[in-house]
Amino acid sequence: MQLLTDKVFFDSGSAVIKPGAKTLLDKIGSVVDAEATHPVEVDGHTDSQPIHTSRYASNFTLSSDRASAVANDFVSRGLLQRRVTVVGNAANDPVDTNSTDAGRAKNRRVDIVLTRLHPYPS
């Protein structure tokens, strides 16, 4: 599941979940928790625009903190912490171009991935 973060989940340059996003995260968290089997990987992504603030030295820290915020929200509602892994990808896995505003907006996202229990046979 891919959550575009612009204007819904986070303010620009922030990893604090916006109050309006809580209802949607409640619903997603309930579905993920009810599945109860697969490991959950929460992947944070950014666009390629550099960030350097007093809080975020790079897009790696911003993407990691956003993924952590979503993961912590799930855990706070009862998802078992041992099921959750957090990954900060920064701009390394774009789903669209970083050459346009629309493309960059698609790249600013958090992915929630239910990972395989067993790898494919070799």
PDB file of N, CA and C in Angstrom:
ATOM      1  N   MET A   1       0.848  -1.160   0.000  1.00  0.00           N
ATOM      2  CA  MET A   1       0.000   0.000   0.000  1.00  0.00           C
ATOM      3  C   MET A   1       0.897   1.228   0.000  1.00  0.00           C
ATOM      4  N   GLN A   2       0.556   2.176  -0.802  1.00  0.00           N
ATOM      5  CA  GLN A   2       1.353   3.380  -0.931  1.00  0.00           C
ATOM      6  C   GLN A   2       0.554   4.579  -0.419  1.00  0.00           C
ATOM      7  N   LEU A   3       1.135   5.319   0.517  1.00  0.00           N
ATOM      8  CA  LEU A   3       0.491   6.502   1.068  1.00  0.00           C
ATOM      9  C   LEU A   3       1.252   7.732   0.602  1.00  0.00           C
ATOM     10  N   LEU A   4       0.637   8.536  -0.246  1.00  0.00           N
ATOM     11  CA  LEU A   4       1.272   9.786  -0.643  1.00  0.00           C
ATOM     12  C   LEU A   4       1.180  10.732   0.541  1.00  0.00           C
ATOM     13  N   THR A   5       2.295  11.338   0.894  1.00  0.00           N
ATOM     14  CA  THR A   5       2.356  12.082   2.148  1.00  0.00           C
ATOM     15  C   THR A   5       2.000  13.555   2.024  1.00  0.00           C
ATOM     16  N   ASP A   6       2.041  14.102   0.825  1.00  0.00           N
ATOM     17  CA  ASP A   6       1.797  15.530   0.644  1.00  0.00           C
ATOM     18  C   ASP A   6       0.426  15.964   1.137  1.00  0.00           C
ATOM     19  N   LYS A   7       0.407  16.957   1.981  1.00  0.00           N
ATOM     20  CA  LYS A   7      -0.789  17.658   2.439  1.00  0.00           C
ATOM     21  C   LYS A   7      -1.758  16.788   3.231  1.00  0.00           C
ATOM     22  N   VAL A   8      -1.512  15.496   3.355  1.00  0.00           N
ATOM     23  CA  VAL A   8      -2.427  14.620   4.076  1.00  0.00           C
ATOM     24  C   VAL A   8      -1.779  14.117   5.354  1.00  0.00           C
ATOM     25  N   PHE A   9      -0.607  13.520   5.224  1.00  0.00           N
ATOM     26  CA  PHE A   9       0.035  12.885   6.366  1.00  0.00           C
ATOM     27  C   PHE A   9       1.028  13.779   7.085  1.00  0.00           C
ATOM     28  N   PHE A  10       1.815  14.524   6.321  1.00  0.00           N
ATOM     29  CA  PHE A  10       2.882  15.332   6.915  1.00  0.00           C
ATOM     30  C   PHE A  10       2.942  16.696   6.251  1.00  0.00           C
ATOM     31  N   ASP A  11       3.338  17.705   7.025  1.00  0.00           N
ATOM     32  CA  ASP A  11       3.674  18.991   6.436  1.00  0.00           C
ATOM     33  C   ASP A  11       5.040  18.865   5.774  1.00  0.00           C
ATOM     34  N   SER A  12       5.334  19.752   4.867  1.00  0.00           N
ATOM     35  CA  SER A  12       6.627  19.752   4.196  1.00  0.00           C
ATOM     36  C   SER A  12       7.765  19.833   5.218  1.00  0.00           C
ATOM     37  N   GLY A  13       8.742  18.945   5.076  1.00  0.00           N
ATOM     38  CA  GLY A  13       9.905  18.960   5.965  1.00  0.00           C
ATOM     39  C   GLY A  13       9.628  18.474   7.372  1.00  0.00           C
ATOM     40  N   SER A  14       8.496  17.786   7.589  1.00  0.00           N
ATOM     41  CA  SER A  14       8.114  17.338   8.927  1.00  0.00           C
ATOM     42  C   SER A  14       7.791  15.843   8.910  1.00  0.00           C
ATOM     43  N   ALA A  15       7.983  15.205  10.055  1.00  0.00           N
ATOM     44  CA  ALA A  15       7.603  13.799  10.217  1.00  0.00           C
ATOM     45  C   ALA A  15       6.539  13.645  11.303  1.00  0.00           C
ATOM     46  N   VAL A  16       5.871  14.735  11.644  1.00  0.00           N
ATOM     47  CA  VAL A  16       4.777  14.685  12.622  1.00  0.00           C
ATOM     48  C   VAL A  16       3.492  14.409  11.848  1.00  0.00           C
ATOM     49  N   ILE A  17       2.817  13.313  12.205  1.00  0.00           N
ATOM     50  CA  ILE A  17       1.581  12.949  11.512  1.00  0.00           C
ATOM     51  C   ILE A  17       0.519  14.007  11.788  1.00  0.00           C
ATOM     52  N   LYS A  18      -0.107  14.486  10.727  1.00  0.00           N
ATOM     53  CA  LYS A  18      -1.153  15.497  10.858  1.00  0.00           C
ATOM     54  C   LYS A  18      -2.398  14.869  11.491  1.00  0.00           C
ATOM     55  N   PRO A  19      -3.095  15.617  12.339  1.00  0.00           N
ATOM     56  CA  PRO A  19      -4.281  15.080  13.012  1.00  0.00           C
ATOM     57  C   PRO A  19      -5.310  14.496  12.046  1.00  0.00           C
ATOM     58  N   GLY A  20      -5.496  15.116  10.907  1.00  0.00           N
ATOM     59  CA  GLY A  20      -6.469  14.624   9.935  1.00  0.00           C
ATOM     60  C   GLY A  20      -6.123  13.277   9.333  1.00  0.00           C
ATOM     61  N   ALA A  21      -4.882  12.870   9.422  1.00  0.00           N
ATOM     62  CA  ALA A  21      -4.453  11.586   8.864  1.00  0.00           C
ATOM     63  C   ALA A  21      -4.707  10.430   9.816  1.00  0.00           C
ATOM     64  N   LYS A  22      -4.964  10.730  11.068  1.00  0.00           N
ATOM     65  CA  LYS A  22      -5.129   9.678  12.084  1.00  0.00           C
ATOM     66  C   LYS A  22      -6.266   8.714  11.744  1.00  0.00           C
ATOM     67  N   THR A  23      -7.385   9.213  11.240  1.00  0.00           N
ATOM     68  CA  THR A  23      -8.518   8.346  10.911  1.00  0.00           C
ATOM     69  C   THR A  23      -8.137   7.340   9.833  1.00  0.00           C
ATOM     70  N   LEU A  24      -7.452   7.811   8.802  1.00  0.00           N
ATOM     71  CA  LEU A  24      -7.012   6.915   7.730  1.00  0.00           C
ATOM     72  C   LEU A  24      -5.998   5.906   8.256  1.00  0.00           C
ATOM     73  N   LEU A  25      -5.052   6.351   9.073  1.00  0.00           N
ATOM     74  CA  LEU A  25      -4.070   5.426   9.646  1.00  0.00           C
ATOM     75  C   LEU A  25      -4.737   4.414  10.572  1.00  0.00           C
ATOM     76  N   ASP A  26      -5.790   4.821  11.286  1.00  0.00           N
ATOM     77  CA  ASP A  26      -6.539   3.874  12.122  1.00  0.00           C
ATOM     78  C   ASP A  26      -7.086   2.735  11.270  1.00  0.00           C
ATOM     79  N   LYS A  27      -7.674   3.077  10.138  1.00  0.00           N
ATOM     80  CA  LYS A  27      -8.268   2.067   9.254  1.00  0.00           C
ATOM     81  C   LYS A  27      -7.190   1.152   8.668  1.00  0.00           C
ATOM     82  N   ILE A  28      -6.114   1.745   8.194  1.00  0.00           N
ATOM     83  CA  ILE A  28      -5.029   0.943   7.613  1.00  0.00           C
ATOM     84  C   ILE A  28      -4.399   0.063   8.686  1.00  0.00           C
ATOM     85  N   GLY A  29      -4.140   0.634   9.843  1.00  0.00           N
ATOM     86  CA  GLY A  29      -3.550  -0.122  10.946  1.00  0.00           C
ATOM     87  C   GLY A  29      -4.416  -1.292  11.367  1.00  0.00           C
ATOM     88  N   SER A  30      -5.729  -1.112  11.365  1.00  0.00           N
ATOM     89  CA  SER A  30      -6.649  -2.194  11.721  1.00  0.00           C
ATOM     90  C   SER A  30      -6.567  -3.343  10.725  1.00  0.00           C
ATOM     91  N   VAL A  31      -6.493  -3.007   9.450  1.00  0.00           N
ATOM     92  CA  VAL A  31      -6.380  -4.038   8.417  1.00  0.00           C
ATOM     93  C   VAL A  31      -5.058  -4.788   8.558  1.00  0.00           C
ATOM     94  N   VAL A  32      -3.970  -4.064   8.735  1.00  0.00           N
ATOM     95  CA  VAL A  32      -2.647  -4.685   8.870  1.00  0.00           C
ATOM     96  C   VAL A  32      -2.600  -5.550  10.132  1.00  0.00           C
ATOM     97  N   ASP A  33      -3.140  -5.043  11.225  1.00  0.00           N
ATOM     98  CA  ASP A  33      -3.147  -5.792  12.482  1.00  0.00           C
ATOM     99  C   ASP A  33      -3.992  -7.058  12.366  1.00  0.00           C
ATOM    100  N   ALA A  34      -5.147  -6.961  11.731  1.00  0.00           N
ATOM    101  CA  ALA A  34      -6.047  -8.109  11.588  1.00  0.00           C
ATOM    102  C   ALA A  34      -5.422  -9.207  10.740  1.00  0.00           C
ATOM    103  N   GLU A  35      -4.579  -8.842   9.791  1.00  0.00           N
ATOM    104  CA  GLU A  35      -3.911  -9.850   8.951  1.00  0.00           C
ATOM    105  C   GLU A  35      -3.044 -10.755   9.827  1.00  0.00           C
ATOM    106  N   ALA A  36      -2.352 -10.186  10.794  1.00  0.00           N
ATOM    107  CA  ALA A  36      -1.692 -10.877  11.912  1.00  0.00           C
ATOM    108  C   ALA A  36      -0.638 -11.922  11.575  1.00  0.00           C
ATOM    109  N   THR A  37      -0.219 -12.047  10.339  1.00  0.00           N
ATOM    110  CA  THR A  37       0.742 -13.092   9.989  1.00  0.00           C
ATOM    111  C   THR A  37       2.050 -12.558   9.431  1.00  0.00           C
ATOM    112  N   HIS A  38       1.944 -11.742   8.413  1.00  0.00           N
ATOM    113  CA  HIS A  38       3.138 -11.318   7.684  1.00  0.00           C
ATOM    114  C   HIS A  38       3.900 -10.197   8.397  1.00  0.00           C
ATOM    115  N   PRO A  39       5.220 -10.194   8.244  1.00  0.00           N
ATOM    116  CA  PRO A  39       6.000  -9.042   8.703  1.00  0.00           C
ATOM    117  C   PRO A  39       5.554  -7.791   7.946  1.00  0.00           C
ATOM    118  N   VAL A  40       5.660  -6.651   8.605  1.00  0.00           N
ATOM    119  CA  VAL A  40       5.233  -5.378   8.030  1.00  0.00           C
ATOM    120  C   VAL A  40       6.459  -4.487   7.871  1.00  0.00           C
ATOM    121  N   GLU A  41       6.725  -4.079   6.647  1.00  0.00           N
ATOM    122  CA  GLU A  41       7.826  -3.156   6.378  1.00  0.00           C
ATOM    123  C   GLU A  41       7.223  -1.803   6.043  1.00  0.00           C
ATOM    124  N   VAL A  42       7.642  -0.778   6.761  1.00  0.00           N
ATOM    125  CA  VAL A  42       7.175   0.587   6.510  1.00  0.00           C
ATOM    126  C   VAL A  42       8.344   1.353   5.911  1.00  0.00           C
ATOM    127  N   ASP A  43       8.191   1.729   4.637  1.00  0.00           N
ATOM    128  CA  ASP A  43       9.270   2.367   3.872  1.00  0.00           C
ATOM    129  C   ASP A  43       8.962   3.835   3.629  1.00  0.00           C
ATOM    130  N   GLY A  44       9.851   4.711   4.079  1.00  0.00           N
ATOM    131  CA  GLY A  44       9.700   6.134   3.826  1.00  0.00           C
ATOM    132  C   GLY A  44      10.472   6.537   2.582  1.00  0.00           C
ATOM    133  N   HIS A  45       9.901   7.451   1.804  1.00  0.00           N
ATOM    134  CA  HIS A  45      10.511   7.929   0.560  1.00  0.00           C
ATOM    135  C   HIS A  45      10.377   9.447   0.482  1.00  0.00           C
ATOM    136  N   THR A  46      11.298  10.072  -0.194  1.00  0.00           N
ATOM    137  CA  THR A  46      11.233  11.509  -0.437  1.00  0.00           C
ATOM    138  C   THR A  46      11.442  11.780  -1.919  1.00  0.00           C
ATOM    139  N   ASP A  47      11.301  13.034  -2.298  1.00  0.00           N
ATOM    140  CA  ASP A  47      11.701  13.416  -3.648  1.00  0.00           C
ATOM    141  C   ASP A  47      13.200  13.687  -3.629  1.00  0.00           C
ATOM    142  N   SER A  48      13.738  14.163  -4.736  1.00  0.00           N
ATOM    143  CA  SER A  48      15.188  14.373  -4.823  1.00  0.00           C
ATOM    144  C   SER A  48      15.632  15.769  -4.399  1.00  0.00           C
ATOM    145  N   GLN A  49      14.697  16.609  -3.961  1.00  0.00           N
ATOM    146  CA  GLN A  49      15.064  17.956  -3.522  1.00  0.00           C
ATOM    147  C   GLN A  49      15.817  17.853  -2.197  1.00  0.00           C
ATOM    148  N   PRO A  50      17.034  18.384  -2.133  1.00  0.00           N
ATOM    149  CA  PRO A  50      17.804  18.270  -0.891  1.00  0.00           C
ATOM    150  C   PRO A  50      17.118  18.988   0.269  1.00  0.00           C
ATOM    151  N   ILE A  51      17.277  18.408   1.446  1.00  0.00           N
ATOM    152  CA  ILE A  51      16.792  19.052   2.662  1.00  0.00           C
ATOM    153  C   ILE A  51      17.980  19.161   3.607  1.00  0.00           C
ATOM    154  N   HIS A  52      18.055  20.259   4.289  1.00  0.00           N
ATOM    155  CA  HIS A  52      19.086  20.415   5.313  1.00  0.00           C
ATOM    156  C   HIS A  52      18.572  21.452   6.298  1.00  0.00           C
ATOM    157  N   THR A  53      17.962  20.937   7.366  1.00  0.00           N
ATOM    158  CA  THR A  53      17.425  21.802   8.408  1.00  0.00           C
ATOM    159  C   THR A  53      18.084  21.424   9.725  1.00  0.00           C
ATOM    160  N   SER A  54      17.737  22.129  10.771  1.00  0.00           N
ATOM    161  CA  SER A  54      18.290  21.780  12.086  1.00  0.00           C
ATOM    162  C   SER A  54      17.818  20.404  12.536  1.00  0.00           C
ATOM    163  N   ARG A  55      16.670  19.969  12.065  1.00  0.00           N
ATOM    164  CA  ARG A  55      16.122  18.647  12.442  1.00  0.00           C
ATOM    165  C   ARG A  55      16.530  17.556  11.458  1.00  0.00           C
ATOM    166  N   TYR A  56      16.562  17.888  10.180  1.00  0.00           N
ATOM    167  CA  TYR A  56      16.833  16.890   9.135  1.00  0.00           C
ATOM    168  C   TYR A  56      18.054  17.278   8.318  1.00  0.00           C
ATOM    169  N   ALA A  57      19.105  16.516   8.518  1.00  0.00           N
ATOM    170  CA  ALA A  57      20.353  16.771   7.795  1.00  0.00           C
ATOM    171  C   ALA A  57      20.282  16.271   6.360  1.00  0.00           C
ATOM    172  N   SER A  58      19.343  15.346   6.100  1.00  0.00           N
ATOM    173  CA  SER A  58      19.238  14.778   4.753  1.00  0.00           C
ATOM    174  C   SER A  58      17.857  14.167   4.561  1.00  0.00           C
ATOM    175  N   ASN A  59      17.581  13.791   3.333  1.00  0.00           N
ATOM    176  CA  ASN A  59      16.331  13.100   3.036  1.00  0.00           C
ATOM    177  C   ASN A  59      16.280  11.715   3.672  1.00  0.00           C
ATOM    178  N   PHE A  60      17.447  11.132   3.986  1.00  0.00           N
ATOM    179  CA  PHE A  60      17.447   9.844   4.679  1.00  0.00           C
ATOM    180  C   PHE A  60      16.794   9.970   6.058  1.00  0.00           C
ATOM    181  N   THR A  61      17.169  10.991   6.796  1.00  0.00           N
ATOM    182  CA  THR A  61      16.592  11.137   8.133  1.00  0.00           C
ATOM    183  C   THR A  61      15.107  11.486   8.063  1.00  0.00           C
ATOM    184  N   LEU A  62      14.723  12.321   7.113  1.00  0.00           N
ATOM    185  CA  LEU A  62      13.307  12.664   6.962  1.00  0.00           C
ATOM    186  C   LEU A  62      12.501  11.422   6.585  1.00  0.00           C
ATOM    187  N   SER A  63      12.964  10.656   5.604  1.00  0.00           N
ATOM    188  CA  SER A  63      12.207   9.476   5.180  1.00  0.00           C
ATOM    189  C   SER A  63      12.147   8.427   6.289  1.00  0.00           C
ATOM    190  N   SER A  64      13.223   8.272   7.031  1.00  0.00           N
ATOM    191  CA  SER A  64      13.234   7.322   8.158  1.00  0.00           C
ATOM    192  C   SER A  64      12.280   7.756   9.257  1.00  0.00           C
ATOM    193  N   ASP A  65      12.290   9.035   9.573  1.00  0.00           N
ATOM    194  CA  ASP A  65      11.407   9.535  10.631  1.00  0.00           C
ATOM    195  C   ASP A  65       9.932   9.434  10.235  1.00  0.00           C
ATOM    196  N   ARG A  66       9.629   9.663   8.969  1.00  0.00           N
ATOM    197  CA  ARG A  66       8.237   9.516   8.524  1.00  0.00           C
ATOM    198  C   ARG A  66       7.795   8.056   8.595  1.00  0.00           C
ATOM    199  N   ALA A  67       8.652   7.152   8.159  1.00  0.00           N
ATOM    200  CA  ALA A  67       8.325   5.725   8.259  1.00  0.00           C
ATOM    201  C   ALA A  67       8.178   5.317   9.722  1.00  0.00           C
ATOM    202  N   SER A  68       9.058   5.827  10.574  1.00  0.00           N
ATOM    203  CA  SER A  68       8.981   5.520  12.007  1.00  0.00           C
ATOM    204  C   SER A  68       7.697   6.057  12.621  1.00  0.00           C
ATOM    205  N   ALA A  69       7.265   7.238  12.200  1.00  0.00           N
ATOM    206  CA  ALA A  69       6.039   7.821  12.735  1.00  0.00           C
ATOM    207  C   ALA A  69       4.844   6.929  12.405  1.00  0.00           C
ATOM    208  N   VAL A  70       4.776   6.424  11.186  1.00  0.00           N
ATOM    209  CA  VAL A  70       3.685   5.542  10.789  1.00  0.00           C
ATOM    210  C   VAL A  70       3.780   4.221  11.554  1.00  0.00           C
ATOM    211  N   ALA A  71       4.982   3.651  11.627  1.00  0.00           N
ATOM    212  CA  ALA A  71       5.171   2.385  12.355  1.00  0.00           C
ATOM    213  C   ALA A  71       4.801   2.549  13.828  1.00  0.00           C
ATOM    214  N   ASN A  72       5.242   3.627  14.451  1.00  0.00           N
ATOM    215  CA  ASN A  72       4.907   3.869  15.863  1.00  0.00           C
ATOM    216  C   ASN A  72       3.405   4.034  16.056  1.00  0.00           C
ATOM    217  N   ASP A  73       2.745   4.657  15.092  1.00  0.00           N
ATOM    218  CA  ASP A  73       1.300   4.797  15.173  1.00  0.00           C
ATOM    219  C   ASP A  73       0.636   3.420  15.154  1.00  0.00           C
ATOM    220  N   PHE A  74       1.083   2.542  14.276  1.00  0.00           N
ATOM    221  CA  PHE A  74       0.536   1.181  14.220  1.00  0.00           C
ATOM    222  C   PHE A  74       0.792   0.429  15.524  1.00  0.00           C
ATOM    223  N   VAL A  75       2.009   0.527  16.041  1.00  0.00           N
ATOM    224  CA  VAL A  75       2.364  -0.182  17.279  1.00  0.00           C
ATOM    225  C   VAL A  75       1.544   0.366  18.450  1.00  0.00           C
ATOM    226  N   SER A  76       1.317   1.667  18.475  1.00  0.00           N
ATOM    227  CA  SER A  76       0.557   2.261  19.585  1.00  0.00           C
ATOM    228  C   SER A  76      -0.887   1.771  19.614  1.00  0.00           C
ATOM    229  N   ARG A  77      -1.376   1.307  18.485  1.00  0.00           N
ATOM    230  CA  ARG A  77      -2.749   0.799  18.442  1.00  0.00           C
ATOM    231  C   ARG A  77      -2.796  -0.716  18.579  1.00  0.00           C
ATOM    232  N   GLY A  78      -1.627  -1.363  18.813  1.00  0.00           N
ATOM    233  CA  GLY A  78      -1.638  -2.780  19.126  1.00  0.00           C
ATOM    234  C   GLY A  78      -0.915  -3.703  18.171  1.00  0.00           C
ATOM    235  N   LEU A  79      -0.430  -3.193  17.050  1.00  0.00           N
ATOM    236  CA  LEU A  79       0.337  -4.044  16.139  1.00  0.00           C
ATOM    237  C   LEU A  79       1.608  -4.499  16.858  1.00  0.00           C
ATOM    238  N   LEU A  80       1.904  -5.775  16.798  1.00  0.00           N
ATOM    239  CA  LEU A  80       3.089  -6.286  17.484  1.00  0.00           C
ATOM    240  C   LEU A  80       4.356  -5.672  16.914  1.00  0.00           C
ATOM    241  N   GLN A  81       5.144  -5.084  17.782  1.00  0.00           N
ATOM    242  CA  GLN A  81       6.362  -4.391  17.366  1.00  0.00           C
ATOM    243  C   GLN A  81       7.323  -5.327  16.641  1.00  0.00           C
ATOM    244  N   ARG A  82       7.358  -6.592  17.049  1.00  0.00           N
ATOM    245  CA  ARG A  82       8.313  -7.513  16.417  1.00  0.00           C
ATOM    246  C   ARG A  82       7.960  -7.804  14.963  1.00  0.00           C
ATOM    247  N   ARG A  83       6.757  -7.437  14.525  1.00  0.00           N
ATOM    248  CA  ARG A  83       6.374  -7.616  13.118  1.00  0.00           C
ATOM    249  C   ARG A  83       6.866  -6.470  12.236  1.00  0.00           C
ATOM    250  N   VAL A  84       7.289  -5.369  12.823  1.00  0.00           N
ATOM    251  CA  VAL A  84       7.506  -4.136  12.070  1.00  0.00           C
ATOM    252  C   VAL A  84       8.985  -3.849  11.833  1.00  0.00           C
ATOM    253  N   THR A  85       9.296  -3.479  10.594  1.00  0.00           N
ATOM    254  CA  THR A  85      10.611  -2.996  10.212  1.00  0.00           C
ATOM    255  C   THR A  85      10.431  -1.636   9.542  1.00  0.00           C
ATOM    256  N   VAL A  86      11.348  -0.721   9.824  1.00  0.00           N
ATOM    257  CA  VAL A  86      11.283   0.627   9.253  1.00  0.00           C
ATOM    258  C   VAL A  86      12.485   0.823   8.329  1.00  0.00           C
ATOM    259  N   VAL A  87      12.215   1.401   7.150  1.00  0.00           N
ATOM    260  CA  VAL A  87      13.272   1.653   6.170  1.00  0.00           C
ATOM    261  C   VAL A  87      13.150   3.093   5.686  1.00  0.00           C
ATOM    262  N   GLY A  88      14.265   3.809   5.660  1.00  0.00           N
ATOM    263  CA  GLY A  88      14.309   5.153   5.087  1.00  0.00           C
ATOM    264  C   GLY A  88      15.069   5.102   3.773  1.00  0.00           C
ATOM    265  N   ASN A  89      14.378   5.331   2.680  1.00  0.00           N
ATOM    266  CA  ASN A  89      14.975   5.222   1.349  1.00  0.00           C
ATOM    267  C   ASN A  89      15.423   6.553   0.761  1.00  0.00           C
ATOM    268  N   ALA A  90      15.050   7.648   1.385  1.00  0.00           N
ATOM    269  CA  ALA A  90      15.297   8.979   0.809  1.00  0.00           C
ATOM    270  C   ALA A  90      14.723   9.006  -0.607  1.00  0.00           C
ATOM    271  N   ALA A  91      15.496   9.453  -1.594  1.00  0.00           N
ATOM    272  CA  ALA A  91      15.000   9.558  -2.973  1.00  0.00           C
ATOM    273  C   ALA A  91      15.469   8.403  -3.847  1.00  0.00           C
ATOM    274  N   ASN A  92      15.915   7.324  -3.242  1.00  0.00           N
ATOM    275  CA  ASN A  92      16.543   6.240  -3.996  1.00  0.00           C
ATOM    276  C   ASN A  92      15.600   5.299  -4.730  1.00  0.00           C
ATOM    277  N   ASP A  93      14.305   5.402  -4.523  1.00  0.00           N
ATOM    278  CA  ASP A  93      13.361   4.493  -5.173  1.00  0.00           C
ATOM    279  C   ASP A  93      12.156   5.266  -5.693  1.00  0.00           C
ATOM    280  N   PRO A  94      12.375   6.179  -6.653  1.00  0.00           N
ATOM    281  CA  PRO A  94      11.262   6.995  -7.142  1.00  0.00           C
ATOM    282  C   PRO A  94      10.252   6.154  -7.936  1.00  0.00           C
ATOM    283  N   VAL A  95       8.984   6.550  -7.848  1.00  0.00           N
ATOM    284  CA  VAL A  95       7.947   5.921  -8.658  1.00  0.00           C
ATOM    285  C   VAL A  95       7.575   6.805  -9.842  1.00  0.00           C
ATOM    286  N   ASP A  96       8.115   8.008  -9.870  1.00  0.00           N
ATOM    287  CA  ASP A  96       7.832   8.956 -10.946  1.00  0.00           C
ATOM    288  C   ASP A  96       9.052   9.865 -11.104  1.00  0.00           C
ATOM    289  N   THR A  97       8.977  10.748 -12.049  1.00  0.00           N
ATOM    290  CA  THR A  97      10.089  11.668 -12.301  1.00  0.00           C
ATOM    291  C   THR A  97      10.233  12.666 -11.156  1.00  0.00           C
ATOM    292  N   ASN A  98      11.445  13.112 -10.929  1.00  0.00           N
ATOM    293  CA  ASN A  98      11.681  14.195  -9.987  1.00  0.00           C
ATOM    294  C   ASN A  98      11.844  15.529 -10.725  1.00  0.00           C
ATOM    295  N   SER A  99      11.512  15.524 -12.020  1.00  0.00           N
ATOM    296  CA  SER A  99      11.657  16.719 -12.845  1.00  0.00           C
ATOM    297  C   SER A  99      10.448  17.638 -12.802  1.00  0.00           C
ATOM    298  N   THR A 100       9.330  17.142 -12.277  1.00  0.00           N
ATOM    299  CA  THR A 100       8.108  17.956 -12.224  1.00  0.00           C
ATOM    300  C   THR A 100       7.551  17.961 -10.803  1.00  0.00           C
ATOM    301  N   ASP A 101       6.742  18.969 -10.504  1.00  0.00           N
ATOM    302  CA  ASP A 101       6.092  19.040  -9.190  1.00  0.00           C
ATOM    303  C   ASP A 101       5.202  17.818  -8.960  1.00  0.00           C
ATOM    304  N   ALA A 102       4.448  17.424  -9.980  1.00  0.00           N
ATOM    305  CA  ALA A 102       3.540  16.281  -9.843  1.00  0.00           C
ATOM    306  C   ALA A 102       4.321  14.989  -9.594  1.00  0.00           C
ATOM    307  N   GLY A 103       5.424  14.813 -10.298  1.00  0.00           N
ATOM    308  CA  GLY A 103       6.251  13.622 -10.106  1.00  0.00           C
ATOM    309  C   GLY A 103       6.874  13.591  -8.721  1.00  0.00           C
ATOM    310  N   ARG A 104       7.414  14.724  -8.281  1.00  0.00           N
ATOM    311  CA  ARG A 104       8.004  14.786  -6.940  1.00  0.00           C
ATOM    312  C   ARG A 104       6.961  14.492  -5.868  1.00  0.00           C
ATOM    313  N   ALA A 105       5.735  14.973  -6.059  1.00  0.00           N
ATOM    314  CA  ALA A 105       4.665  14.709  -5.082  1.00  0.00           C
ATOM    315  C   ALA A 105       4.388  13.210  -4.973  1.00  0.00           C
ATOM    316  N   LYS A 106       4.448  12.481  -6.075  1.00  0.00           N
ATOM    317  CA  LYS A 106       4.230  11.027  -6.038  1.00  0.00           C
ATOM    318  C   LYS A 106       5.380  10.304  -5.338  1.00  0.00           C
ATOM    319  N   ASN A 107       6.565  10.871  -5.413  1.00  0.00           N
ATOM    320  CA  ASN A 107       7.735  10.240  -4.790  1.00  0.00           C
ATOM    321  C   ASN A 107       7.773  10.447  -3.277  1.00  0.00           C
ATOM    322  N   ARG A 108       7.087  11.460  -2.789  1.00  0.00           N
ATOM    323  CA  ARG A 108       7.013  11.699  -1.338  1.00  0.00           C
ATOM    324  C   ARG A 108       5.913  10.817  -0.768  1.00  0.00           C
ATOM    325  N   ARG A 109       6.331   9.674  -0.222  1.00  0.00           N
ATOM    326  CA  ARG A 109       5.343   8.687   0.170  1.00  0.00           C
ATOM    327  C   ARG A 109       5.879   7.777   1.266  1.00  0.00           C
ATOM    328  N   VAL A 110       4.965   7.022   1.854  1.00  0.00           N
ATOM    329  CA  VAL A 110       5.301   5.944   2.772  1.00  0.00           C
ATOM    330  C   VAL A 110       4.627   4.693   2.222  1.00  0.00           C
ATOM    331  N   ASP A 111       5.403   3.633   2.020  1.00  0.00           N
ATOM    332  CA  ASP A 111       4.870   2.358   1.555  1.00  0.00           C
ATOM    333  C   ASP A 111       4.724   1.423   2.743  1.00  0.00           C
ATOM    334  N   ILE A 112       3.601   0.727   2.801  1.00  0.00           N
ATOM    335  CA  ILE A 112       3.375  -0.294   3.822  1.00  0.00           C
ATOM    336  C   ILE A 112       3.343  -1.621   3.087  1.00  0.00           C
ATOM    337  N   VAL A 113       4.315  -2.470   3.391  1.00  0.00           N
ATOM    338  CA  VAL A 113       4.499  -3.711   2.648  1.00  0.00           C
ATOM    339  C   VAL A 113       4.371  -4.897   3.601  1.00  0.00           C
ATOM    340  N   LEU A 114       3.475  -5.814   3.268  1.00  0.00           N
ATOM    341  CA  LEU A 114       3.414  -7.078   3.988  1.00  0.00           C
ATOM    342  C   LEU A 114       4.364  -8.022   3.251  1.00  0.00           C
ATOM    343  N   THR A 115       5.462  -8.365   3.908  1.00  0.00           N
ATOM    344  CA  THR A 115       6.513  -9.120   3.233  1.00  0.00           C
ATOM    345  C   THR A 115       6.217 -10.619   3.257  1.00  0.00           C
ATOM    346  N   ARG A 116       6.862 -11.319   2.356  1.00  0.00           N
ATOM    347  CA  ARG A 116       6.682 -12.772   2.249  1.00  0.00           C
ATOM    348  C   ARG A 116       7.207 -13.464   3.508  1.00  0.00           C
ATOM    349  N   LEU A 117       6.512 -14.506   3.890  1.00  0.00           N
ATOM    350  CA  LEU A 117       6.981 -15.316   5.015  1.00  0.00           C
ATOM    351  C   LEU A 117       8.128 -16.217   4.617  1.00  0.00           C
ATOM    352  N   HIS A 118       8.074 -16.711   3.380  1.00  0.00           N
ATOM    353  CA  HIS A 118       9.098 -17.627   2.884  1.00  0.00           C
ATOM    354  C   HIS A 118       9.584 -17.122   1.529  1.00  0.00           C
ATOM    355  N   PRO A 119      10.884 -17.116   1.324  1.00  0.00           N
ATOM    356  CA  PRO A 119      11.396 -16.663   0.032  1.00  0.00           C
ATOM    357  C   PRO A 119      11.006 -17.650  -1.077  1.00  0.00           C
ATOM    358  N   TYR A 120      11.024 -17.149  -2.296  1.00  0.00           N
ATOM    359  CA  TYR A 120      10.773 -18.032  -3.437  1.00  0.00           C
ATOM    360  C   TYR A 120      11.841 -19.125  -3.454  1.00  0.00           C
ATOM    361  N   PRO A 121      11.466 -20.327  -3.849  1.00  0.00           N
ATOM    362  CA  PRO A 121      12.488 -21.381  -3.947  1.00  0.00           C
ATOM    363  C   PRO A 121      13.483 -21.040  -5.055  1.00  0.00           C
ATOM    364  N   SER A 122      14.742 -21.441  -4.843  1.00  0.00           N
ATOM    365  CA  SER A 122      15.759 -21.110  -5.860  1.00  0.00           C
ATOM    366  C   SER A 122      15.860 -22.160  -6.913  1.00  0.00           C
TER     367      SER A 122
END
